[in-house]
Amino acid sequence: MFGKMNKSGIWNYNGKELKVCITLHDVDLGSGDGDDPIEERYDRKADTYYIWFEQGAGIGEYIGGGIRSDSLSGAMEKAEALIKADKIFWSE
């Protein structure tokens, strides 16, 4: 994970409690893909919230997959939409 921890929560995966974290970073990372539109291709200076899910093994390793938002509430909504089978219990 990178950026400053902004929000965390717990979700249930096959009976195991796993963490989801949202970090804030001051760069919106571009795709680096030459086929993408220019505004998506390159890094740009912008506050960006990144979503990280703890891997199913529950060993403290996280995957992000480039899921991001320009707001904390938007990041929380995206995380909840991805966890279709269960609810995320967010910390205050």
PDB file of N, CA and C in Angstrom:
ATOM      1  N   MET A   1       0.846  -1.176   0.000  1.00  0.00           N
ATOM      2  CA  MET A   1       0.000   0.000   0.000  1.00  0.00           C
ATOM      3  C   MET A   1       0.887   1.235   0.000  1.00  0.00           C
ATOM      4  N   PHE A   2       0.361   2.312  -0.510  1.00  0.00           N
ATOM      5  CA  PHE A   2       1.064   3.573  -0.450  1.00  0.00           C
ATOM      6  C   PHE A   2       0.067   4.670  -0.097  1.00  0.00           C
ATOM      7  N   GLY A   3       0.579   5.810   0.289  1.00  0.00           N
ATOM      8  CA  GLY A   3      -0.281   6.908   0.696  1.00  0.00           C
ATOM      9  C   GLY A   3      -0.559   6.860   2.185  1.00  0.00           C
ATOM     10  N   LYS A   4      -1.297   7.820   2.667  1.00  0.00           N
ATOM     11  CA  LYS A   4      -1.642   7.933   4.089  1.00  0.00           C
ATOM     12  C   LYS A   4      -2.957   7.203   4.361  1.00  0.00           C
ATOM     13  N   MET A   5      -2.946   6.332   5.390  1.00  0.00           N
ATOM     14  CA  MET A   5      -4.168   5.606   5.759  1.00  0.00           C
ATOM     15  C   MET A   5      -5.262   6.611   6.101  1.00  0.00           C
ATOM     16  N   ASN A   6      -6.438   6.439   5.503  1.00  0.00           N
ATOM     17  CA  ASN A   6      -7.521   7.374   5.698  1.00  0.00           C
ATOM     18  C   ASN A   6      -8.752   6.722   6.309  1.00  0.00           C
ATOM     19  N   LYS A   7      -9.003   5.460   5.957  1.00  0.00           N
ATOM     20  CA  LYS A   7     -10.185   4.752   6.455  1.00  0.00           C
ATOM     21  C   LYS A   7      -9.905   3.262   6.368  1.00  0.00           C
ATOM     22  N   SER A   8     -10.443   2.503   7.315  1.00  0.00           N
ATOM     23  CA  SER A   8     -10.294   1.050   7.247  1.00  0.00           C
ATOM     24  C   SER A   8     -11.583   0.389   7.701  1.00  0.00           C
ATOM     25  N   GLY A   9     -11.712  -0.844   7.322  1.00  0.00           N
ATOM     26  CA  GLY A   9     -12.887  -1.610   7.698  1.00  0.00           C
ATOM     27  C   GLY A   9     -12.590  -3.095   7.640  1.00  0.00           C
ATOM     28  N   ILE A  10     -13.596  -3.870   8.005  1.00  0.00           N
ATOM     29  CA  ILE A  10     -13.503  -5.336   8.029  1.00  0.00           C
ATOM     30  C   ILE A  10     -14.648  -5.892   7.193  1.00  0.00           C
ATOM     31  N   TRP A  11     -14.364  -6.944   6.443  1.00  0.00           N
ATOM     32  CA  TRP A  11     -15.413  -7.656   5.710  1.00  0.00           C
ATOM     33  C   TRP A  11     -15.175  -9.150   5.865  1.00  0.00           C
ATOM     34  N   ASN A  12     -16.195  -9.921   5.652  1.00  0.00           N
ATOM     35  CA  ASN A  12     -16.143 -11.357   5.868  1.00  0.00           C
ATOM     36  C   ASN A  12     -16.024 -12.072   4.531  1.00  0.00           C
ATOM     37  N   TYR A  13     -15.009 -12.908   4.410  1.00  0.00           N
ATOM     38  CA  TYR A  13     -14.799 -13.693   3.201  1.00  0.00           C
ATOM     39  C   TYR A  13     -14.673 -15.160   3.603  1.00  0.00           C
ATOM     40  N   ASN A  14     -15.664 -15.955   3.253  1.00  0.00           N
ATOM     41  CA  ASN A  14     -15.660 -17.388   3.585  1.00  0.00           C
ATOM     42  C   ASN A  14     -15.407 -17.637   5.068  1.00  0.00           C
ATOM     43  N   GLY A  15     -16.058 -16.835   5.916  1.00  0.00           N
ATOM     44  CA  GLY A  15     -15.935 -17.013   7.357  1.00  0.00           C
ATOM     45  C   GLY A  15     -14.687 -16.396   7.968  1.00  0.00           C
ATOM     46  N   LYS A  16     -13.897 -15.707   7.178  1.00  0.00           N
ATOM     47  CA  LYS A  16     -12.661 -15.098   7.667  1.00  0.00           C
ATOM     48  C   LYS A  16     -12.776 -13.580   7.581  1.00  0.00           C
ATOM     49  N   GLU A  17     -12.420 -12.884   8.666  1.00  0.00           N
ATOM     50  CA  GLU A  17     -12.449 -11.429   8.661  1.00  0.00           C
ATOM     51  C   GLU A  17     -11.196 -10.884   7.990  1.00  0.00           C
ATOM     52  N   LEU A  18     -11.397 -10.073   6.957  1.00  0.00           N
ATOM     53  CA  LEU A  18     -10.296  -9.465   6.219  1.00  0.00           C
ATOM     54  C   LEU A  18     -10.451  -7.946   6.243  1.00  0.00           C
ATOM     55  N   LYS A  19      -9.341  -7.254   6.098  1.00  0.00           N
ATOM     56  CA  LYS A  19      -9.361  -5.792   6.139  1.00  0.00           C
ATOM     57  C   LYS A  19      -9.518  -5.198   4.743  1.00  0.00           C
ATOM     58  N   VAL A  20     -10.139  -4.033   4.707  1.00  0.00           N
ATOM     59  CA  VAL A  20     -10.139  -3.181   3.528  1.00  0.00           C
ATOM     60  C   VAL A  20      -9.643  -1.819   4.010  1.00  0.00           C
ATOM     61  N   CYS A  21      -8.747  -1.216   3.256  1.00  0.00           N
ATOM     62  CA  CYS A  21      -8.166   0.066   3.645  1.00  0.00           C
ATOM     63  C   CYS A  21      -8.295   1.057   2.497  1.00  0.00           C
ATOM     64  N   ILE A  22      -8.450   2.307   2.859  1.00  0.00           N
ATOM     65  CA  ILE A  22      -8.472   3.389   1.883  1.00  0.00           C
ATOM     66  C   ILE A  22      -7.347   4.347   2.257  1.00  0.00           C
ATOM     67  N   THR A  23      -6.463   4.589   1.304  1.00  0.00           N
ATOM     68  CA  THR A  23      -5.358   5.501   1.538  1.00  0.00           C
ATOM     69  C   THR A  23      -5.507   6.736   0.653  1.00  0.00           C
ATOM     70  N   LEU A  24      -4.941   7.829   1.117  1.00  0.00           N
ATOM     71  CA  LEU A  24      -4.951   9.080   0.360  1.00  0.00           C
ATOM     72  C   LEU A  24      -3.536   9.346  -0.134  1.00  0.00           C
ATOM     73  N   HIS A  25      -3.422   9.602  -1.418  1.00  0.00           N
ATOM     74  CA  HIS A  25      -2.128   9.889  -2.037  1.00  0.00           C
ATOM     75  C   HIS A  25      -2.278  11.168  -2.857  1.00  0.00           C
ATOM     76  N   ASP A  26      -1.195  11.921  -3.017  1.00  0.00           N
ATOM     77  CA  ASP A  26      -1.293  13.195  -3.742  1.00  0.00           C
ATOM     78  C   ASP A  26      -1.025  13.060  -5.241  1.00  0.00           C
ATOM     79  N   VAL A  27      -0.988  11.824  -5.725  1.00  0.00           N
ATOM     80  CA  VAL A  27      -0.798  11.576  -7.151  1.00  0.00           C
ATOM     81  C   VAL A  27      -1.847  10.570  -7.628  1.00  0.00           C
ATOM     82  N   ASP A  28      -2.466  10.868  -8.755  1.00  0.00           N
ATOM     83  CA  ASP A  28      -3.355   9.925  -9.423  1.00  0.00           C
ATOM     84  C   ASP A  28      -2.484   9.197 -10.441  1.00  0.00           C
ATOM     85  N   LEU A  29      -2.206   7.931 -10.165  1.00  0.00           N
ATOM     86  CA  LEU A  29      -1.294   7.175 -11.018  1.00  0.00           C
ATOM     87  C   LEU A  29      -1.930   6.849 -12.357  1.00  0.00           C
ATOM     88  N   GLY A  30      -1.204   7.140 -13.421  1.00  0.00           N
ATOM     89  CA  GLY A  30      -1.681   6.835 -14.761  1.00  0.00           C
ATOM     90  C   GLY A  30      -1.494   5.368 -15.098  1.00  0.00           C
ATOM     91  N   SER A  31      -2.095   4.959 -16.177  1.00  0.00           N
ATOM     92  CA  SER A  31      -2.030   3.550 -16.587  1.00  0.00           C
ATOM     93  C   SER A  31      -0.691   3.199 -17.228  1.00  0.00           C
ATOM     94  N   GLY A  32      -0.051   4.167 -17.850  1.00  0.00           N
ATOM     95  CA  GLY A  32       1.188   3.892 -18.572  1.00  0.00           C
ATOM     96  C   GLY A  32       0.961   3.207 -19.913  1.00  0.00           C
ATOM     97  N   ASP A  33      -0.299   2.968 -20.249  1.00  0.00           N
ATOM     98  CA  ASP A  33      -0.661   2.281 -21.484  1.00  0.00           C
ATOM     99  C   ASP A  33      -0.799   3.302 -22.619  1.00  0.00           C
ATOM    100  N   GLY A  34       0.012   3.151 -23.642  1.00  0.00           N
ATOM    101  CA  GLY A  34      -0.004   4.069 -24.782  1.00  0.00           C
ATOM    102  C   GLY A  34      -1.316   4.097 -25.539  1.00  0.00           C
ATOM    103  N   ASP A  35      -2.164   3.093 -25.364  1.00  0.00           N
ATOM    104  CA  ASP A  35      -3.463   3.060 -26.046  1.00  0.00           C
ATOM    105  C   ASP A  35      -4.549   3.817 -25.284  1.00  0.00           C
ATOM    106  N   ASP A  36      -4.292   4.142 -24.014  1.00  0.00           N
ATOM    107  CA  ASP A  36      -5.284   4.865 -23.215  1.00  0.00           C
ATOM    108  C   ASP A  36      -5.281   6.348 -23.576  1.00  0.00           C
ATOM    109  N   PRO A  37      -6.400   7.043 -23.324  1.00  0.00           N
ATOM    110  CA  PRO A  37      -6.428   8.495 -23.537  1.00  0.00           C
ATOM    111  C   PRO A  37      -5.347   9.167 -22.678  1.00  0.00           C
ATOM    112  N   ILE A  38      -4.829  10.274 -23.150  1.00  0.00           N
ATOM    113  CA  ILE A  38      -3.721  10.960 -22.473  1.00  0.00           C
ATOM    114  C   ILE A  38      -4.046  11.252 -21.014  1.00  0.00           C
ATOM    115  N   GLU A  39      -5.280  11.662 -20.701  1.00  0.00           N
ATOM    116  CA  GLU A  39      -5.634  12.002 -19.323  1.00  0.00           C
ATOM    117  C   GLU A  39      -5.601  10.785 -18.383  1.00  0.00           C
ATOM    118  N   GLU A  40      -5.631   9.583 -18.932  1.00  0.00           N
ATOM    119  CA  GLU A  40      -5.540   8.362 -18.120  1.00  0.00           C
ATOM    120  C   GLU A  40      -4.145   7.738 -18.176  1.00  0.00           C
ATOM    121  N   ARG A  41      -3.361   8.110 -19.141  1.00  0.00           N
ATOM    122  CA  ARG A  41      -2.076   7.463 -19.401  1.00  0.00           C
ATOM    123  C   ARG A  41      -0.971   7.872 -18.429  1.00  0.00           C
ATOM    124  N   TYR A  42      -0.950   9.154 -18.051  1.00  0.00           N
ATOM    125  CA  TYR A  42       0.164   9.678 -17.260  1.00  0.00           C
ATOM    126  C   TYR A  42      -0.247  10.013 -15.838  1.00  0.00           C
ATOM    127  N   ASP A  43       0.724   9.923 -14.925  1.00  0.00           N
ATOM    128  CA  ASP A  43       0.494  10.352 -13.554  1.00  0.00           C
ATOM    129  C   ASP A  43       0.150  11.839 -13.555  1.00  0.00           C
ATOM    130  N   ARG A  44      -0.709  12.235 -12.601  1.00  0.00           N
ATOM    131  CA  ARG A  44      -1.012  13.659 -12.469  1.00  0.00           C
ATOM    132  C   ARG A  44      -1.146  14.002 -10.998  1.00  0.00           C
ATOM    133  N   LYS A  45      -0.824  15.219 -10.650  1.00  0.00           N
ATOM    134  CA  LYS A  45      -0.904  15.697  -9.270  1.00  0.00           C
ATOM    135  C   LYS A  45      -2.378  15.900  -8.923  1.00  0.00           C
ATOM    136  N   ALA A  46      -2.880  15.091  -8.003  1.00  0.00           N
ATOM    137  CA  ALA A  46      -4.282  15.190  -7.569  1.00  0.00           C
ATOM    138  C   ALA A  46      -4.485  14.307  -6.349  1.00  0.00           C
ATOM    139  N   ASP A  47      -5.193  14.817  -5.356  1.00  0.00           N
ATOM    140  CA  ASP A  47      -5.535  13.975  -4.206  1.00  0.00           C
ATOM    141  C   ASP A  47      -6.407  12.829  -4.688  1.00  0.00           C
ATOM    142  N   THR A  48      -5.958  11.613  -4.388  1.00  0.00           N
ATOM    143  CA  THR A  48      -6.639  10.423  -4.879  1.00  0.00           C
ATOM    144  C   THR A  48      -6.721   9.386  -3.758  1.00  0.00           C
ATOM    145  N   TYR A  49      -7.895   8.802  -3.594  1.00  0.00           N
ATOM    146  CA  TYR A  49      -8.128   7.756  -2.600  1.00  0.00           C
ATOM    147  C   TYR A  49      -8.011   6.406  -3.293  1.00  0.00           C
ATOM    148  N   TYR A  50      -7.144   5.538  -2.749  1.00  0.00           N
ATOM    149  CA  TYR A  50      -6.926   4.195  -3.296  1.00  0.00           C
ATOM    150  C   TYR A  50      -7.507   3.146  -2.351  1.00  0.00           C
ATOM    151  N   ILE A  51      -8.120   2.122  -2.924  1.00  0.00           N
ATOM    152  CA  ILE A  51      -8.765   1.064  -2.156  1.00  0.00           C
ATOM    153  C   ILE A  51      -7.875  -0.180  -2.190  1.00  0.00           C
ATOM    154  N   TRP A  52      -7.660  -0.761  -1.013  1.00  0.00           N
ATOM    155  CA  TRP A  52      -6.808  -1.942  -0.868  1.00  0.00           C
ATOM    156  C   TRP A  52      -7.568  -3.024  -0.106  1.00  0.00           C
ATOM    157  N   PHE A  53      -7.577  -4.239  -0.636  1.00  0.00           N
ATOM    158  CA  PHE A  53      -8.232  -5.368   0.005  1.00  0.00           C
ATOM    159  C   PHE A  53      -7.182  -6.358   0.485  1.00  0.00           C
ATOM    160  N   GLU A  54      -7.331  -6.801   1.736  1.00  0.00           N
ATOM    161  CA  GLU A  54      -6.437  -7.839   2.244  1.00  0.00           C
ATOM    162  C   GLU A  54      -6.699  -9.123   1.465  1.00  0.00           C
ATOM    163  N   GLN A  55      -5.639  -9.826   1.110  1.00  0.00           N
ATOM    164  CA  GLN A  55      -5.780 -11.069   0.365  1.00  0.00           C
ATOM    165  C   GLN A  55      -6.473 -12.127   1.208  1.00  0.00           C
ATOM    166  N   GLY A  56      -7.136 -13.058   0.550  1.00  0.00           N
ATOM    167  CA  GLY A  56      -7.911 -14.096   1.220  1.00  0.00           C
ATOM    168  C   GLY A  56      -7.145 -14.941   2.205  1.00  0.00           C
ATOM    169  N   ALA A  57      -5.823 -15.011   2.052  1.00  0.00           N
ATOM    170  CA  ALA A  57      -5.030 -15.794   2.993  1.00  0.00           C
ATOM    171  C   ALA A  57      -4.963 -15.110   4.363  1.00  0.00           C
ATOM    172  N   GLY A  58      -5.305 -13.811   4.409  1.00  0.00           N
ATOM    173  CA  GLY A  58      -5.332 -13.086   5.678  1.00  0.00           C
ATOM    174  C   GLY A  58      -3.969 -12.927   6.319  1.00  0.00           C
ATOM    175  N   ILE A  59      -2.952 -12.734   5.510  1.00  0.00           N
ATOM    176  CA  ILE A  59      -1.592 -12.649   6.041  1.00  0.00           C
ATOM    177  C   ILE A  59      -1.042 -11.222   6.006  1.00  0.00           C
ATOM    178  N   GLY A  60      -1.920 -10.248   5.860  1.00  0.00           N
ATOM    179  CA  GLY A  60      -1.483  -8.862   5.885  1.00  0.00           C
ATOM    180  C   GLY A  60      -0.967  -8.339   4.563  1.00  0.00           C
ATOM    181  N   GLU A  61      -1.177  -9.067   3.490  1.00  0.00           N
ATOM    182  CA  GLU A  61      -0.801  -8.585   2.167  1.00  0.00           C
ATOM    183  C   GLU A  61      -2.053  -8.056   1.476  1.00  0.00           C
ATOM    184  N   TYR A  62      -1.879  -6.957   0.750  1.00  0.00           N
ATOM    185  CA  TYR A  62      -3.028  -6.276   0.158  1.00  0.00           C
ATOM    186  C   TYR A  62      -2.896  -6.188  -1.352  1.00  0.00           C
ATOM    187  N   ILE A  63      -4.051  -6.196  -2.009  1.00  0.00           N
ATOM    188  CA  ILE A  63      -4.104  -5.973  -3.451  1.00  0.00           C
ATOM    189  C   ILE A  63      -4.996  -4.766  -3.698  1.00  0.00           C
ATOM    190  N   GLY A  64      -4.658  -3.995  -4.718  1.00  0.00           N
ATOM    191  CA  GLY A  64      -5.423  -2.788  -5.000  1.00  0.00           C
ATOM    192  C   GLY A  64      -6.098  -2.805  -6.358  1.00  0.00           C
ATOM    193  N   GLY A  65      -5.405  -3.264  -7.352  1.00  0.00           N
ATOM    194  CA  GLY A  65      -5.993  -3.326  -8.683  1.00  0.00           C
ATOM    195  C   GLY A  65      -6.284  -1.975  -9.306  1.00  0.00           C
ATOM    196  N   GLY A  66      -5.703  -0.901  -8.759  1.00  0.00           N
ATOM    197  CA  GLY A  66      -5.893   0.420  -9.348  1.00  0.00           C
ATOM    198  C   GLY A  66      -7.245   1.051  -9.081  1.00  0.00           C
ATOM    199  N   ILE A  67      -8.007   0.510  -8.135  1.00  0.00           N
ATOM    200  CA  ILE A  67      -9.324   1.062  -7.831  1.00  0.00           C
ATOM    201  C   ILE A  67      -9.136   2.341  -7.032  1.00  0.00           C
ATOM    202  N   ARG A  68      -9.707   3.429  -7.518  1.00  0.00           N
ATOM    203  CA  ARG A  68      -9.491   4.714  -6.870  1.00  0.00           C
ATOM    204  C   ARG A  68     -10.677   5.641  -7.054  1.00  0.00           C
ATOM    205  N   SER A  69     -10.636   6.733  -6.298  1.00  0.00           N
ATOM    206  CA  SER A  69     -11.708   7.722  -6.346  1.00  0.00           C
ATOM    207  C   SER A  69     -11.134   9.081  -5.969  1.00  0.00           C
ATOM    208  N   ASP A  70     -11.840  10.136  -6.339  1.00  0.00           N
ATOM    209  CA  ASP A  70     -11.385  11.469  -5.962  1.00  0.00           C
ATOM    210  C   ASP A  70     -12.005  11.943  -4.645  1.00  0.00           C
ATOM    211  N   SER A  71     -12.793  11.065  -3.994  1.00  0.00           N
ATOM    212  CA  SER A  71     -13.366  11.407  -2.688  1.00  0.00           C
ATOM    213  C   SER A  71     -13.388  10.178  -1.790  1.00  0.00           C
ATOM    214  N   LEU A  72     -13.368  10.410  -0.483  1.00  0.00           N
ATOM    215  CA  LEU A  72     -13.425   9.298   0.476  1.00  0.00           C
ATOM    216  C   LEU A  72     -14.761   8.575   0.359  1.00  0.00           C
ATOM    217  N   SER A  73     -15.846   9.323   0.283  1.00  0.00           N
ATOM    218  CA  SER A  73     -17.161   8.680   0.181  1.00  0.00           C
ATOM    219  C   SER A  73     -17.273   7.865  -1.108  1.00  0.00           C
ATOM    220  N   GLY A  74     -16.701   8.368  -2.188  1.00  0.00           N
ATOM    221  CA  GLY A  74     -16.708   7.624  -3.452  1.00  0.00           C
ATOM    222  C   GLY A  74     -15.907   6.337  -3.349  1.00  0.00           C
ATOM    223  N   ALA A  75     -14.764   6.401  -2.652  1.00  0.00           N
ATOM    224  CA  ALA A  75     -13.940   5.200  -2.468  1.00  0.00           C
ATOM    225  C   ALA A  75     -14.681   4.172  -1.619  1.00  0.00           C
ATOM    226  N   MET A  76     -15.365   4.639  -0.578  1.00  0.00           N
ATOM    227  CA  MET A  76     -16.127   3.723   0.270  1.00  0.00           C
ATOM    228  C   MET A  76     -17.245   3.060  -0.534  1.00  0.00           C
ATOM    229  N   GLU A  77     -17.934   3.826  -1.365  1.00  0.00           N
ATOM    230  CA  GLU A  77     -19.009   3.269  -2.195  1.00  0.00           C
ATOM    231  C   GLU A  77     -18.468   2.224  -3.169  1.00  0.00           C
ATOM    232  N   LYS A  78     -17.315   2.523  -3.791  1.00  0.00           N
ATOM    233  CA  LYS A  78     -16.716   1.564  -4.730  1.00  0.00           C
ATOM    234  C   LYS A  78     -16.314   0.283  -4.016  1.00  0.00           C
ATOM    235  N   ALA A  79     -15.725   0.410  -2.829  1.00  0.00           N
ATOM    236  CA  ALA A  79     -15.326  -0.775  -2.065  1.00  0.00           C
ATOM    237  C   ALA A  79     -16.548  -1.616  -1.724  1.00  0.00           C
ATOM    238  N   GLU A  80     -17.618  -0.974  -1.273  1.00  0.00           N
ATOM    239  CA  GLU A  80     -18.839  -1.698  -0.912  1.00  0.00           C
ATOM    240  C   GLU A  80     -19.467  -2.371  -2.125  1.00  0.00           C
ATOM    241  N   ALA A  81     -19.390  -1.729  -3.274  1.00  0.00           N
ATOM    242  CA  ALA A  81     -19.952  -2.321  -4.497  1.00  0.00           C
ATOM    243  C   ALA A  81     -19.167  -3.567  -4.906  1.00  0.00           C
ATOM    244  N   LEU A  82     -17.861  -3.572  -4.647  1.00  0.00           N
ATOM    245  CA  LEU A  82     -17.041  -4.726  -5.007  1.00  0.00           C
ATOM    246  C   LEU A  82     -17.253  -5.907  -4.071  1.00  0.00           C
ATOM    247  N   ILE A  83     -17.606  -5.627  -2.831  1.00  0.00           N
ATOM    248  CA  ILE A  83     -17.864  -6.692  -1.851  1.00  0.00           C
ATOM    249  C   ILE A  83     -19.359  -6.994  -1.905  1.00  0.00           C
ATOM    250  N   LYS A  84     -19.772  -7.662  -2.935  1.00  0.00           N
ATOM    251  CA  LYS A  84     -21.198  -7.908  -3.163  1.00  0.00           C
ATOM    252  C   LYS A  84     -21.779  -8.917  -2.180  1.00  0.00           C
ATOM    253  N   ALA A  85     -20.965  -9.840  -1.705  1.00  0.00           N
ATOM    254  CA  ALA A  85     -21.475 -10.930  -0.883  1.00  0.00           C
ATOM    255  C   ALA A  85     -21.631 -10.544   0.580  1.00  0.00           C
ATOM    256  N   ASP A  86     -21.045  -9.449   1.000  1.00  0.00           N
ATOM    257  CA  ASP A  86     -21.056  -9.112   2.414  1.00  0.00           C
ATOM    258  C   ASP A  86     -20.962  -7.607   2.592  1.00  0.00           C
ATOM    259  N   LYS A  87     -21.037  -7.182   3.819  1.00  0.00           N
ATOM    260  CA  LYS A  87     -20.993  -5.773   4.177  1.00  0.00           C
ATOM    261  C   LYS A  87     -19.625  -5.438   4.755  1.00  0.00           C
ATOM    262  N   ILE A  88     -19.175  -4.208   4.497  1.00  0.00           N
ATOM    263  CA  ILE A  88     -17.952  -3.729   5.113  1.00  0.00           C
ATOM    264  C   ILE A  88     -18.329  -2.979   6.384  1.00  0.00           C
ATOM    265  N   PHE A  89     -17.693  -3.326   7.485  1.00  0.00           N
ATOM    266  CA  PHE A  89     -17.902  -2.636   8.753  1.00  0.00           C
ATOM    267  C   PHE A  89     -16.759  -1.635   8.910  1.00  0.00           C
ATOM    268  N   TRP A  90     -17.062  -0.362   8.626  1.00  0.00           N
ATOM    269  CA  TRP A  90     -16.048   0.697   8.637  1.00  0.00           C
ATOM    270  C   TRP A  90     -15.744   1.148  10.062  1.00  0.00           C
ATOM    271  N   SER A  91     -14.474   1.438  10.310  1.00  0.00           N
ATOM    272  CA  SER A  91     -14.092   2.025  11.591  1.00  0.00           C
ATOM    273  C   SER A  91     -14.436   3.513  11.551  1.00  0.00           C
ATOM    274  N   GLU A  92     -14.600   4.083  12.705  1.00  0.00           N
ATOM    275  CA  GLU A  92     -14.940   5.512  12.760  1.00  0.00           C
ATOM    276  C   GLU A  92     -13.730   6.315  12.593  1.00  0.00           C
TER     277      GLU A  92
END
